[in-house]
PDB file of N, CA and C in Angstrom:
ATOM      1  N   MET A   1     157.312 190.692  87.024  1.00  0.00           N
ATOM      2  CA  MET A   1     156.412 191.592  87.736  1.00  0.00           C
ATOM      3  C   MET A   1     155.442 192.231  86.748  1.00  0.00           C
ATOM      4  N   ALA A   2     154.180 192.221  87.071  1.00  0.00           N
ATOM      5  CA  ALA A   2     153.149 192.750  86.183  1.00  0.00           C
ATOM      6  C   ALA A   2     153.204 194.271  86.128  1.00  0.00           C
ATOM      7  N   SER A   3     152.965 194.781  84.945  1.00  0.00           N
ATOM      8  CA  SER A   3     152.932 196.223  84.755  1.00  0.00           C
ATOM      9  C   SER A   3     151.721 196.814  85.471  1.00  0.00           C
ATOM     10  N   ASP A   4     151.908 197.973  86.081  1.00  0.00           N
ATOM     11  CA  ASP A   4     150.782 198.639  86.726  1.00  0.00           C
ATOM     12  C   ASP A   4     149.880 199.305  85.682  1.00  0.00           C
ATOM     13  N   ARG A   5     150.261 199.231  84.418  1.00  0.00           N
ATOM     14  CA  ARG A   5     149.440 199.770  83.333  1.00  0.00           C
ATOM     15  C   ARG A   5     148.396 198.763  82.838  1.00  0.00           C
ATOM     16  N   ILE A   6     148.466 197.518  83.293  1.00  0.00           N
ATOM     17  CA  ILE A   6     147.499 196.506  82.876  1.00  0.00           C
ATOM     18  C   ILE A   6     146.366 196.455  83.887  1.00  0.00           C
ATOM     19  N   THR A   7     145.131 196.527  83.370  1.00  0.00           N
ATOM     20  CA  THR A   7     143.941 196.540  84.210  1.00  0.00           C
ATOM     21  C   THR A   7     143.335 195.153  84.271  1.00  0.00           C
ATOM     22  N   GLN A   8     143.032 194.700  85.477  1.00  0.00           N
ATOM     23  CA  GLN A   8     142.325 193.436  85.666  1.00  0.00           C
ATOM     24  C   GLN A   8     140.833 193.735  85.519  1.00  0.00           C
ATOM     25  N   ILE A   9     140.200 193.035  84.589  1.00  0.00           N
ATOM     26  CA  ILE A   9     138.803 193.313  84.269  1.00  0.00           C
ATOM     27  C   ILE A   9     137.857 192.429  85.075  1.00  0.00           C
ATOM     28  N   THR A  10     136.783 193.058  85.531  1.00  0.00           N
ATOM     29  CA  THR A  10     135.677 192.386  86.202  1.00  0.00           C
ATOM     30  C   THR A  10     134.389 192.895  85.543  1.00  0.00           C
ATOM     31  N   PRO A  11     133.260 192.272  85.835  1.00  0.00           N
ATOM     32  CA  PRO A  11     132.004 192.816  85.292  1.00  0.00           C
ATOM     33  C   PRO A  11     131.762 194.265  85.706  1.00  0.00           C
ATOM     34  N   ASP A  12     132.288 194.660  86.863  1.00  0.00           N
ATOM     35  CA  ASP A  12     132.070 196.017  87.353  1.00  0.00           C
ATOM     36  C   ASP A  12     132.830 197.083  86.564  1.00  0.00           C
ATOM     37  N   ASN A  13     133.995 196.736  86.010  1.00  0.00           N
ATOM     38  CA  ASN A  13     134.775 197.767  85.323  1.00  0.00           C
ATOM     39  C   ASN A  13     134.918 197.535  83.820  1.00  0.00           C
ATOM     40  N   PHE A  14     134.269 196.500  83.275  1.00  0.00           N
ATOM     41  CA  PHE A  14     134.427 196.188  81.857  1.00  0.00           C
ATOM     42  C   PHE A  14     133.965 197.343  80.965  1.00  0.00           C
ATOM     43  N   ASP A  15     132.755 197.842  81.193  1.00  0.00           N
ATOM     44  CA  ASP A  15     132.236 198.914  80.342  1.00  0.00           C
ATOM     45  C   ASP A  15     133.114 200.158  80.384  1.00  0.00           C
ATOM     46  N   SER A  16     133.462 200.601  81.579  1.00  0.00           N
ATOM     47  CA  SER A  16     134.233 201.839  81.699  1.00  0.00           C
ATOM     48  C   SER A  16     135.665 201.688  81.184  1.00  0.00           C
ATOM     49  N   THR A  17     136.250 200.518  81.368  1.00  0.00           N
ATOM     50  CA  THR A  17     137.642 200.314  80.976  1.00  0.00           C
ATOM     51  C   THR A  17     137.786 199.968  79.505  1.00  0.00           C
ATOM     52  N   VAL A  18     136.879 199.157  78.979  1.00  0.00           N
ATOM     53  CA  VAL A  18     137.025 198.653  77.612  1.00  0.00           C
ATOM     54  C   VAL A  18     136.089 199.366  76.646  1.00  0.00           C
ATOM     55  N   LEU A  19     134.801 199.296  76.889  1.00  0.00           N
ATOM     56  CA  LEU A  19     133.837 199.803  75.915  1.00  0.00           C
ATOM     57  C   LEU A  19     133.832 201.321  75.798  1.00  0.00           C
ATOM     58  N   LYS A  20     134.129 202.014  76.868  1.00  0.00           N
ATOM     59  CA  LYS A  20     134.097 203.482  76.851  1.00  0.00           C
ATOM     60  C   LYS A  20     135.487 204.108  76.765  1.00  0.00           C
ATOM     61  N   SER A  21     136.491 203.304  76.467  1.00  0.00           N
ATOM     62  CA  SER A  21     137.858 203.817  76.386  1.00  0.00           C
ATOM     63  C   SER A  21     138.016 204.725  75.169  1.00  0.00           C
ATOM     64  N   ASP A  22     138.789 205.785  75.341  1.00  0.00           N
ATOM     65  CA  ASP A  22     139.061 206.698  74.225  1.00  0.00           C
ATOM     66  C   ASP A  22     140.309 206.291  73.442  1.00  0.00           C
ATOM     67  N   VAL A  23     140.933 205.191  73.835  1.00  0.00           N
ATOM     68  CA  VAL A  23     142.068 204.627  73.096  1.00  0.00           C
ATOM     69  C   VAL A  23     141.770 203.147  72.845  1.00  0.00           C
ATOM     70  N   PRO A  24     142.422 202.535  71.863  1.00  0.00           N
ATOM     71  CA  PRO A  24     142.216 201.103  71.643  1.00  0.00           C
ATOM     72  C   PRO A  24     142.571 200.297  72.892  1.00  0.00           C
ATOM     73  N   VAL A  25     141.873 199.163  73.070  1.00  0.00           N
ATOM     74  CA  VAL A  25     142.095 198.298  74.228  1.00  0.00           C
ATOM     75  C   VAL A  25     142.354 196.877  73.737  1.00  0.00           C
ATOM     76  N   LEU A  26     143.475 196.327  74.161  1.00  0.00           N
ATOM     77  CA  LEU A  26     143.805 194.929  73.910  1.00  0.00           C
ATOM     78  C   LEU A  26     143.390 194.142  75.141  1.00  0.00           C
ATOM     79  N   VAL A  27     142.435 193.233  74.977  1.00  0.00           N
ATOM     80  CA  VAL A  27     141.934 192.437  76.099  1.00  0.00           C
ATOM     81  C   VAL A  27     142.434 191.011  75.956  1.00  0.00           C
ATOM     82  N   ASP A  28     143.157 190.564  76.971  1.00  0.00           N
ATOM     83  CA  ASP A  28     143.712 189.213  77.033  1.00  0.00           C
ATOM     84  C   ASP A  28     142.808 188.354  77.903  1.00  0.00           C
ATOM     85  N   PHE A  29     142.145 187.366  77.282  1.00  0.00           N
ATOM     86  CA  PHE A  29     141.357 186.390  78.033  1.00  0.00           C
ATOM     87  C   PHE A  29     142.291 185.245  78.376  1.00  0.00           C
ATOM     88  N   TRP A  30     142.466 184.974  79.671  1.00  0.00           N
ATOM     89  CA  TRP A  30     143.506 184.068  80.143  1.00  0.00           C
ATOM     90  C   TRP A  30     143.038 183.316  81.383  1.00  0.00           C
ATOM     91  N   ALA A  31     143.875 182.405  81.864  1.00  0.00           N
ATOM     92  CA  ALA A  31     143.646 181.701  83.132  1.00  0.00           C
ATOM     93  C   ALA A  31     145.003 181.356  83.741  1.00  0.00           C
ATOM     94  N   THR A  32     145.032 181.214  85.046  1.00  0.00           N
ATOM     95  CA  THR A  32     146.292 180.948  85.748  1.00  0.00           C
ATOM     96  C   THR A  32     146.901 179.614  85.359  1.00  0.00           C
ATOM     97  N   TRP A  33     146.082 178.632  84.986  1.00  0.00           N
ATOM     98  CA  TRP A  33     146.561 177.291  84.654  1.00  0.00           C
ATOM     99  C   TRP A  33     147.018 177.169  83.202  1.00  0.00           C
ATOM    100  N   CYS A  34     146.883 178.225  82.421  1.00  0.00           N
ATOM    101  CA  CYS A  34     147.168 178.193  80.978  1.00  0.00           C
ATOM    102  C   CYS A  34     148.633 178.562  80.713  1.00  0.00           C
ATOM    103  N   GLY A  35     149.417 177.586  80.259  1.00  0.00           N
ATOM    104  CA  GLY A  35     150.835 177.826  79.973  1.00  0.00           C
ATOM    105  C   GLY A  35     151.080 178.896  78.934  1.00  0.00           C
ATOM    106  N   PRO A  36     150.428 178.845  77.766  1.00  0.00           N
ATOM    107  CA  PRO A  36     150.634 179.902  76.774  1.00  0.00           C
ATOM    108  C   PRO A  36     150.215 181.282  77.289  1.00  0.00           C
ATOM    109  N   CYS A  37     149.206 181.331  78.153  1.00  0.00           N
ATOM    110  CA  CYS A  37     148.781 182.603  78.749  1.00  0.00           C
ATOM    111  C   CYS A  37     149.903 183.179  79.608  1.00  0.00           C
ATOM    112  N   ARG A  38     150.518 182.319  80.400  1.00  0.00           N
ATOM    113  CA  ARG A  38     151.630 182.773  81.242  1.00  0.00           C
ATOM    114  C   ARG A  38     152.825 183.186  80.389  1.00  0.00           C
ATOM    115  N   ALA A  39     152.998 182.513  79.248  1.00  0.00           N
ATOM    116  CA  ALA A  39     154.139 182.825  78.375  1.00  0.00           C
ATOM    117  C   ALA A  39     154.034 184.219  77.765  1.00  0.00           C
ATOM    118  N   ILE A  40     152.825 184.662  77.421  1.00  0.00           N
ATOM    119  CA  ILE A  40     152.711 185.986  76.800  1.00  0.00           C
ATOM    120  C   ILE A  40     152.567 187.116  77.817  1.00  0.00           C
ATOM    121  N   ALA A  41     152.342 186.782  79.079  1.00  0.00           N
ATOM    122  CA  ALA A  41     152.149 187.813  80.103  1.00  0.00           C
ATOM    123  C   ALA A  41     153.300 188.811  80.170  1.00  0.00           C
ATOM    124  N   PRO A  42     154.570 188.378  80.187  1.00  0.00           N
ATOM    125  CA  PRO A  42     155.650 189.371  80.246  1.00  0.00           C
ATOM    126  C   PRO A  42     155.709 190.249  78.989  1.00  0.00           C
ATOM    127  N   VAL A  43     155.323 189.703  77.851  1.00  0.00           N
ATOM    128  CA  VAL A  43     155.309 190.487  76.615  1.00  0.00           C
ATOM    129  C   VAL A  43     154.229 191.567  76.707  1.00  0.00           C
ATOM    130  N   LEU A  44     153.072 191.203  77.222  1.00  0.00           N
ATOM    131  CA  LEU A  44     151.998 192.187  77.390  1.00  0.00           C
ATOM    132  C   LEU A  44     152.393 193.263  78.398  1.00  0.00           C
ATOM    133  N   ASP A  45     153.092 192.865  79.459  1.00  0.00           N
ATOM    134  CA  ASP A  45     153.580 193.850  80.436  1.00  0.00           C
ATOM    135  C   ASP A  45     154.491 194.856  79.759  1.00  0.00           C
ATOM    136  N   GLN A  46     155.418 194.370  78.940  1.00  0.00           N
ATOM    137  CA  GLN A  46     156.353 195.264  78.253  1.00  0.00           C
ATOM    138  C   GLN A  46     155.618 196.156  77.260  1.00  0.00           C
ATOM    139  N   MET A  47     154.658 195.594  76.554  1.00  0.00           N
ATOM    140  CA  MET A  47     153.874 196.393  75.605  1.00  0.00           C
ATOM    141  C   MET A  47     153.111 197.500  76.321  1.00  0.00           C
ATOM    142  N   ALA A  48     152.551 197.189  77.475  1.00  0.00           N
ATOM    143  CA  ALA A  48     151.807 198.196  78.234  1.00  0.00           C
ATOM    144  C   ALA A  48     152.710 199.371  78.560  1.00  0.00           C
ATOM    145  N   ASP A  49     153.933 199.083  78.938  1.00  0.00           N
ATOM    146  CA  ASP A  49     154.881 200.160  79.245  1.00  0.00           C
ATOM    147  C   ASP A  49     155.322 200.890  77.976  1.00  0.00           C
ATOM    148  N   ASP A  50     155.600 200.147  76.901  1.00  0.00           N
ATOM    149  CA  ASP A  50     156.098 200.753  75.665  1.00  0.00           C
ATOM    150  C   ASP A  50     155.060 201.620  74.967  1.00  0.00           C
ATOM    151  N   TYR A  51     153.810 201.163  74.921  1.00  0.00           N
ATOM    152  CA  TYR A  51     152.776 201.918  74.217  1.00  0.00           C
ATOM    153  C   TYR A  51     152.204 203.051  75.062  1.00  0.00           C
ATOM    154  N   GLY A  52     152.365 202.974  76.357  1.00  0.00           N
ATOM    155  CA  GLY A  52     151.920 204.054  77.234  1.00  0.00           C
ATOM    156  C   GLY A  52     150.446 204.367  77.069  1.00  0.00           C
ATOM    157  N   ASP A  53     150.153 205.641  76.842  1.00  0.00           N
ATOM    158  CA  ASP A  53     148.771 206.099  76.767  1.00  0.00           C
ATOM    159  C   ASP A  53     148.118 205.877  75.408  1.00  0.00           C
ATOM    160  N   ARG A  54     148.837 205.316  74.449  1.00  0.00           N
ATOM    161  CA  ARG A  54     148.259 205.079  73.115  1.00  0.00           C
ATOM    162  C   ARG A  54     147.440 203.795  73.049  1.00  0.00           C
ATOM    163  N   LEU A  55     147.661 202.885  74.009  1.00  0.00           N
ATOM    164  CA  LEU A  55     146.984 201.594  74.023  1.00  0.00           C
ATOM    165  C   LEU A  55     146.756 201.181  75.469  1.00  0.00           C
ATOM    166  N   ARG A  56     145.552 200.709  75.747  1.00  0.00           N
ATOM    167  CA  ARG A  56     145.260 200.155  77.068  1.00  0.00           C
ATOM    168  C   ARG A  56     145.287 198.634  76.936  1.00  0.00           C
ATOM    169  N   ILE A  57     145.890 197.968  77.912  1.00  0.00           N
ATOM    170  CA  ILE A  57     145.894 196.509  77.944  1.00  0.00           C
ATOM    171  C   ILE A  57     145.147 196.067  79.192  1.00  0.00           C
ATOM    172  N   ALA A  58     144.237 195.125  78.980  1.00  0.00           N
ATOM    173  CA  ALA A  58     143.407 194.627  80.072  1.00  0.00           C
ATOM    174  C   ALA A  58     143.398 193.100  80.019  1.00  0.00           C
ATOM    175  N   LYS A  59     143.174 192.490  81.171  1.00  0.00           N
ATOM    176  CA  LYS A  59     143.163 191.034  81.264  1.00  0.00           C
ATOM    177  C   LYS A  59     141.860 190.579  81.917  1.00  0.00           C
ATOM    178  N   VAL A  60     141.289 189.523  81.339  1.00  0.00           N
ATOM    179  CA  VAL A  60     140.087 188.909  81.890  1.00  0.00           C
ATOM    180  C   VAL A  60     140.429 187.479  82.268  1.00  0.00           C
ATOM    181  N   ASP A  61     140.408 187.170  83.564  1.00  0.00           N
ATOM    182  CA  ASP A  61     140.599 185.803  84.044  1.00  0.00           C
ATOM    183  C   ASP A  61     139.290 185.058  83.771  1.00  0.00           C
ATOM    184  N   VAL A  62     139.330 184.130  82.816  1.00  0.00           N
ATOM    185  CA  VAL A  62     138.095 183.467  82.387  1.00  0.00           C
ATOM    186  C   VAL A  62     137.480 182.602  83.483  1.00  0.00           C
ATOM    187  N   ASP A  63     138.277 182.123  84.412  1.00  0.00           N
ATOM    188  CA  ASP A  63     137.731 181.319  85.506  1.00  0.00           C
ATOM    189  C   ASP A  63     136.914 182.166  86.467  1.00  0.00           C
ATOM    190  N   ASN A  64     137.348 183.393  86.690  1.00  0.00           N
ATOM    191  CA  ASN A  64     136.661 184.279  87.632  1.00  0.00           C
ATOM    192  C   ASN A  64     135.625 185.179  86.971  1.00  0.00           C
ATOM    193  N   ASN A  65     135.626 185.255  85.646  1.00  0.00           N
ATOM    194  CA  ASN A  65     134.725 186.151  84.922  1.00  0.00           C
ATOM    195  C   ASN A  65     134.100 185.430  83.733  1.00  0.00           C
ATOM    196  N   GLN A  66     133.447 184.323  84.032  1.00  0.00           N
ATOM    197  CA  GLN A  66     132.886 183.487  82.973  1.00  0.00           C
ATOM    198  C   GLN A  66     131.832 184.209  82.137  1.00  0.00           C
ATOM    199  N   GLN A  67     131.100 185.131  82.745  1.00  0.00           N
ATOM    200  CA  GLN A  67     130.055 185.816  81.979  1.00  0.00           C
ATOM    201  C   GLN A  67     130.650 186.714  80.903  1.00  0.00           C
ATOM    202  N   ILE A  68     131.793 187.344  81.163  1.00  0.00           N
ATOM    203  CA  ILE A  68     132.429 188.175  80.133  1.00  0.00           C
ATOM    204  C   ILE A  68     132.970 187.282  79.023  1.00  0.00           C
ATOM    205  N   ALA A  69     133.616 186.195  79.400  1.00  0.00           N
ATOM    206  CA  ALA A  69     134.152 185.271  78.398  1.00  0.00           C
ATOM    207  C   ALA A  69     133.020 184.718  77.534  1.00  0.00           C
ATOM    208  N   SER A  70     131.915 184.377  78.139  1.00  0.00           N
ATOM    209  CA  SER A  70     130.770 183.849  77.409  1.00  0.00           C
ATOM    210  C   SER A  70     130.169 184.897  76.474  1.00  0.00           C
ATOM    211  N   GLN A  71     130.117 186.120  76.938  1.00  0.00           N
ATOM    212  CA  GLN A  71     129.557 187.223  76.140  1.00  0.00           C
ATOM    213  C   GLN A  71     130.290 187.371  74.809  1.00  0.00           C
ATOM    214  N   PHE A  72     131.591 187.096  74.801  1.00  0.00           N
ATOM    215  CA  PHE A  72     132.394 187.251  73.591  1.00  0.00           C
ATOM    216  C   PHE A  72     132.741 185.914  72.935  1.00  0.00           C
ATOM    217  N   GLY A  73     132.099 184.847  73.384  1.00  0.00           N
ATOM    218  CA  GLY A  73     132.276 183.548  72.750  1.00  0.00           C
ATOM    219  C   GLY A  73     133.672 182.975  72.880  1.00  0.00           C
ATOM    220  N   ILE A  74     134.333 183.264  73.993  1.00  0.00           N
ATOM    221  CA  ILE A  74     135.694 182.773  74.198  1.00  0.00           C
ATOM    222  C   ILE A  74     135.654 181.276  74.470  1.00  0.00           C
ATOM    223  N   ARG A  75     136.303 180.503  73.606  1.00  0.00           N
ATOM    224  CA  ARG A  75     136.325 179.046  73.755  1.00  0.00           C
ATOM    225  C   ARG A  75     137.733 178.508  73.994  1.00  0.00           C
ATOM    226  N   ASN A  76     138.724 179.245  73.569  1.00  0.00           N
ATOM    227  CA  ASN A  76     140.130 178.854  73.748  1.00  0.00           C
ATOM    228  C   ASN A  76     140.891 180.036  74.324  1.00  0.00           C
ATOM    229  N   ILE A  77     141.909 179.727  75.101  1.00  0.00           N
ATOM    230  CA  ILE A  77     142.744 180.791  75.648  1.00  0.00           C
ATOM    231  C   ILE A  77     144.212 180.464  75.380  1.00  0.00           C
ATOM    232  N   PRO A  78     145.045 181.466  75.267  1.00  0.00           N
ATOM    233  CA  PRO A  78     144.682 182.872  75.303  1.00  0.00           C
ATOM    234  C   PRO A  78     143.944 183.305  74.039  1.00  0.00           C
ATOM    235  N   THR A  79     142.949 184.138  74.239  1.00  0.00           N
ATOM    236  CA  THR A  79     142.291 184.839  73.142  1.00  0.00           C
ATOM    237  C   THR A  79     142.491 186.320  73.393  1.00  0.00           C
ATOM    238  N   LEU A  80     142.911 187.014  72.357  1.00  0.00           N
ATOM    239  CA  LEU A  80     143.145 188.449  72.436  1.00  0.00           C
ATOM    240  C   LEU A  80     142.120 189.157  71.564  1.00  0.00           C
ATOM    241  N   LEU A  81     141.343 190.039  72.170  1.00  0.00           N
ATOM    242  CA  LEU A  81     140.395 190.857  71.428  1.00  0.00           C
ATOM    243  C   LEU A  81     140.897 192.288  71.429  1.00  0.00           C
ATOM    244  N   LEU A  82     140.836 192.920  70.274  1.00  0.00           N
ATOM    245  CA  LEU A  82     141.236 194.315  70.152  1.00  0.00           C
ATOM    246  C   LEU A  82     139.974 195.148  69.955  1.00  0.00           C
ATOM    247  N   PHE A  83     139.737 196.054  70.887  1.00  0.00           N
ATOM    248  CA  PHE A  83     138.574 196.924  70.853  1.00  0.00           C
ATOM    249  C   PHE A  83     138.993 198.328  70.429  1.00  0.00           C
ATOM    250  N   SER A  84     138.143 198.947  69.636  1.00  0.00           N
ATOM    251  CA  SER A  84     138.311 200.353  69.294  1.00  0.00           C
ATOM    252  C   SER A  84     136.922 200.947  69.170  1.00  0.00           C
ATOM    253  N   GLY A  85     136.705 202.068  69.825  1.00  0.00           N
ATOM    254  CA  GLY A  85     135.386 202.681  69.797  1.00  0.00           C
ATOM    255  C   GLY A  85     134.299 201.803  70.387  1.00  0.00           C
ATOM    256  N   GLY A  86     134.655 200.960  71.340  1.00  0.00           N
ATOM    257  CA  GLY A  86     133.688 200.105  72.010  1.00  0.00           C
ATOM    258  C   GLY A  86     133.321 198.847  71.250  1.00  0.00           C
ATOM    259  N   GLN A  87     133.977 198.594  70.114  1.00  0.00           N
ATOM    260  CA  GLN A  87     133.677 197.435  69.284  1.00  0.00           C
ATOM    261  C   GLN A  87     134.907 196.554  69.120  1.00  0.00           C
ATOM    262  N   VAL A  88     134.685 195.245  68.984  1.00  0.00           N
ATOM    263  CA  VAL A  88     135.784 194.338  68.659  1.00  0.00           C
ATOM    264  C   VAL A  88     136.156 194.579  67.194  1.00  0.00           C
ATOM    265  N   VAL A  89     137.427 194.930  66.958  1.00  0.00           N
ATOM    266  CA  VAL A  89     137.876 195.186  65.590  1.00  0.00           C
ATOM    267  C   VAL A  89     138.810 194.097  65.074  1.00  0.00           C
ATOM    268  N   ASP A  90     139.325 193.277  65.974  1.00  0.00           N
ATOM    269  CA  ASP A  90     140.201 192.177  65.559  1.00  0.00           C
ATOM    270  C   ASP A  90     140.310 191.179  66.700  1.00  0.00           C
ATOM    271  N   GLN A  91     140.742 189.971  66.356  1.00  0.00           N
ATOM    272  CA  GLN A  91     140.842 188.897  67.349  1.00  0.00           C
ATOM    273  C   GLN A  91     141.951 187.945  66.944  1.00  0.00           C
ATOM    274  N   ARG A  92     142.659 187.438  67.940  1.00  0.00           N
ATOM    275  CA  ARG A  92     143.672 186.402  67.731  1.00  0.00           C
ATOM    276  C   ARG A  92     143.504 185.363  68.833  1.00  0.00           C
ATOM    277  N   VAL A  93     143.694 184.099  68.460  1.00  0.00           N
ATOM    278  CA  VAL A  93     143.648 183.007  69.422  1.00  0.00           C
ATOM    279  C   VAL A  93     145.026 182.365  69.451  1.00  0.00           C
ATOM    280  N   GLY A  94     145.551 182.170  70.660  1.00  0.00           N
ATOM    281  CA  GLY A  94     146.865 181.569  70.818  1.00  0.00           C
ATOM    282  C   GLY A  94     147.905 182.602  71.200  1.00  0.00           C
ATOM    283  N   ALA A  95     149.043 182.097  71.629  1.00  0.00           N
ATOM    284  CA  ALA A  95     150.131 182.968  72.070  1.00  0.00           C
ATOM    285  C   ALA A  95     150.860 183.533  70.857  1.00  0.00           C
ATOM    286  N   LEU A  96     151.039 184.837  70.854  1.00  0.00           N
ATOM    287  CA  LEU A  96     151.789 185.530  69.806  1.00  0.00           C
ATOM    288  C   LEU A  96     153.087 186.053  70.382  1.00  0.00           C
ATOM    289  N   ASN A  97     154.111 186.158  69.553  1.00  0.00           N
ATOM    290  CA  ASN A  97     155.344 186.789  70.009  1.00  0.00           C
ATOM    291  C   ASN A  97     155.189 188.305  69.915  1.00  0.00           C
ATOM    292  N   ARG A  98     156.202 189.034  70.331  1.00  0.00           N
ATOM    293  CA  ARG A  98     156.101 190.489  70.380  1.00  0.00           C
ATOM    294  C   ARG A  98     155.838 191.083  68.999  1.00  0.00           C
ATOM    295  N   SER A  99     156.529 190.613  67.978  1.00  0.00           N
ATOM    296  CA  SER A  99     156.309 191.197  66.655  1.00  0.00           C
ATOM    297  C   SER A  99     154.891 190.906  66.172  1.00  0.00           C
ATOM    298  N   GLY A 100     154.367 189.731  66.476  1.00  0.00           N
ATOM    299  CA  GLY A 100     152.994 189.405  66.111  1.00  0.00           C
ATOM    300  C   GLY A 100     151.979 190.271  66.848  1.00  0.00           C
ATOM    301  N   LEU A 101     152.236 190.521  68.119  1.00  0.00           N
ATOM    302  CA  LEU A 101     151.355 191.382  68.904  1.00  0.00           C
ATOM    303  C   LEU A 101     151.416 192.828  68.419  1.00  0.00           C
ATOM    304  N   ASP A 102     152.616 193.299  68.104  1.00  0.00           N
ATOM    305  CA  ASP A 102     152.754 194.660  67.579  1.00  0.00           C
ATOM    306  C   ASP A 102     151.979 194.803  66.263  1.00  0.00           C
ATOM    307  N   ALA A 103     152.125 193.823  65.382  1.00  0.00           N
ATOM    308  CA  ALA A 103     151.420 193.864  64.093  1.00  0.00           C
ATOM    309  C   ALA A 103     149.911 193.812  64.285  1.00  0.00           C
ATOM    310  N   PHE A 104     149.469 193.143  65.337  1.00  0.00           N
ATOM    311  CA  PHE A 104     148.043 193.034  65.658  1.00  0.00           C
ATOM    312  C   PHE A 104     147.463 194.366  66.099  1.00  0.00           C
ATOM    313  N   VAL A 105     148.181 195.111  66.939  1.00  0.00           N
ATOM    314  CA  VAL A 105     147.618 196.352  67.496  1.00  0.00           C
ATOM    315  C   VAL A 105     147.930 197.606  66.684  1.00  0.00           C
ATOM    316  N   GLU A 106     149.044 197.625  65.987  1.00  0.00           N
ATOM    317  CA  GLU A 106     149.488 198.848  65.291  1.00  0.00           C
ATOM    318  C   GLU A 106     148.431 199.472  64.375  1.00  0.00           C
ATOM    319  N   PRO A 107     147.659 198.686  63.591  1.00  0.00           N
ATOM    320  CA  PRO A 107     146.679 199.328  62.697  1.00  0.00           C
ATOM    321  C   PRO A 107     145.639 200.198  63.412  1.00  0.00           C
ATOM    322  N   GLN A 108     145.411 199.960  64.703  1.00  0.00           N
ATOM    323  CA  GLN A 108     144.409 200.730  65.444  1.00  0.00           C
ATOM    324  C   GLN A 108     144.995 201.942  66.163  1.00  0.00           C
ATOM    325  N   LEU A 109     146.302 202.087  66.141  1.00  0.00           N
ATOM    326  CA  LEU A 109     146.932 203.200  66.879  1.00  0.00           C
ATOM    327  C   LEU A 109     147.068 204.436  66.027  1.00  0.00           C
TER     328      LEU A 109
END
């Protein structure tokens, strides 16, 4: 079951949710047909609950939001972008385990 702390991103809410966030935002670019994307989904759900208000997690379905994916040059999924202060501060391509994801976001918290 998906965490209610994860925001589904669309062009309408991207700026307010990601670029104007007062906390770091981990954005998962994914698709329903992507096996590795589905594999990390439960880990992201748990992270959303564990980090609470210190980190926002958002998901962009690349099939339904091609303009956002194109804007950030997303060519492979899953791609994880870490935003802080409205800027991309780090990026990872591929499925990471929980310790890898924690190590990815911790420097921005």
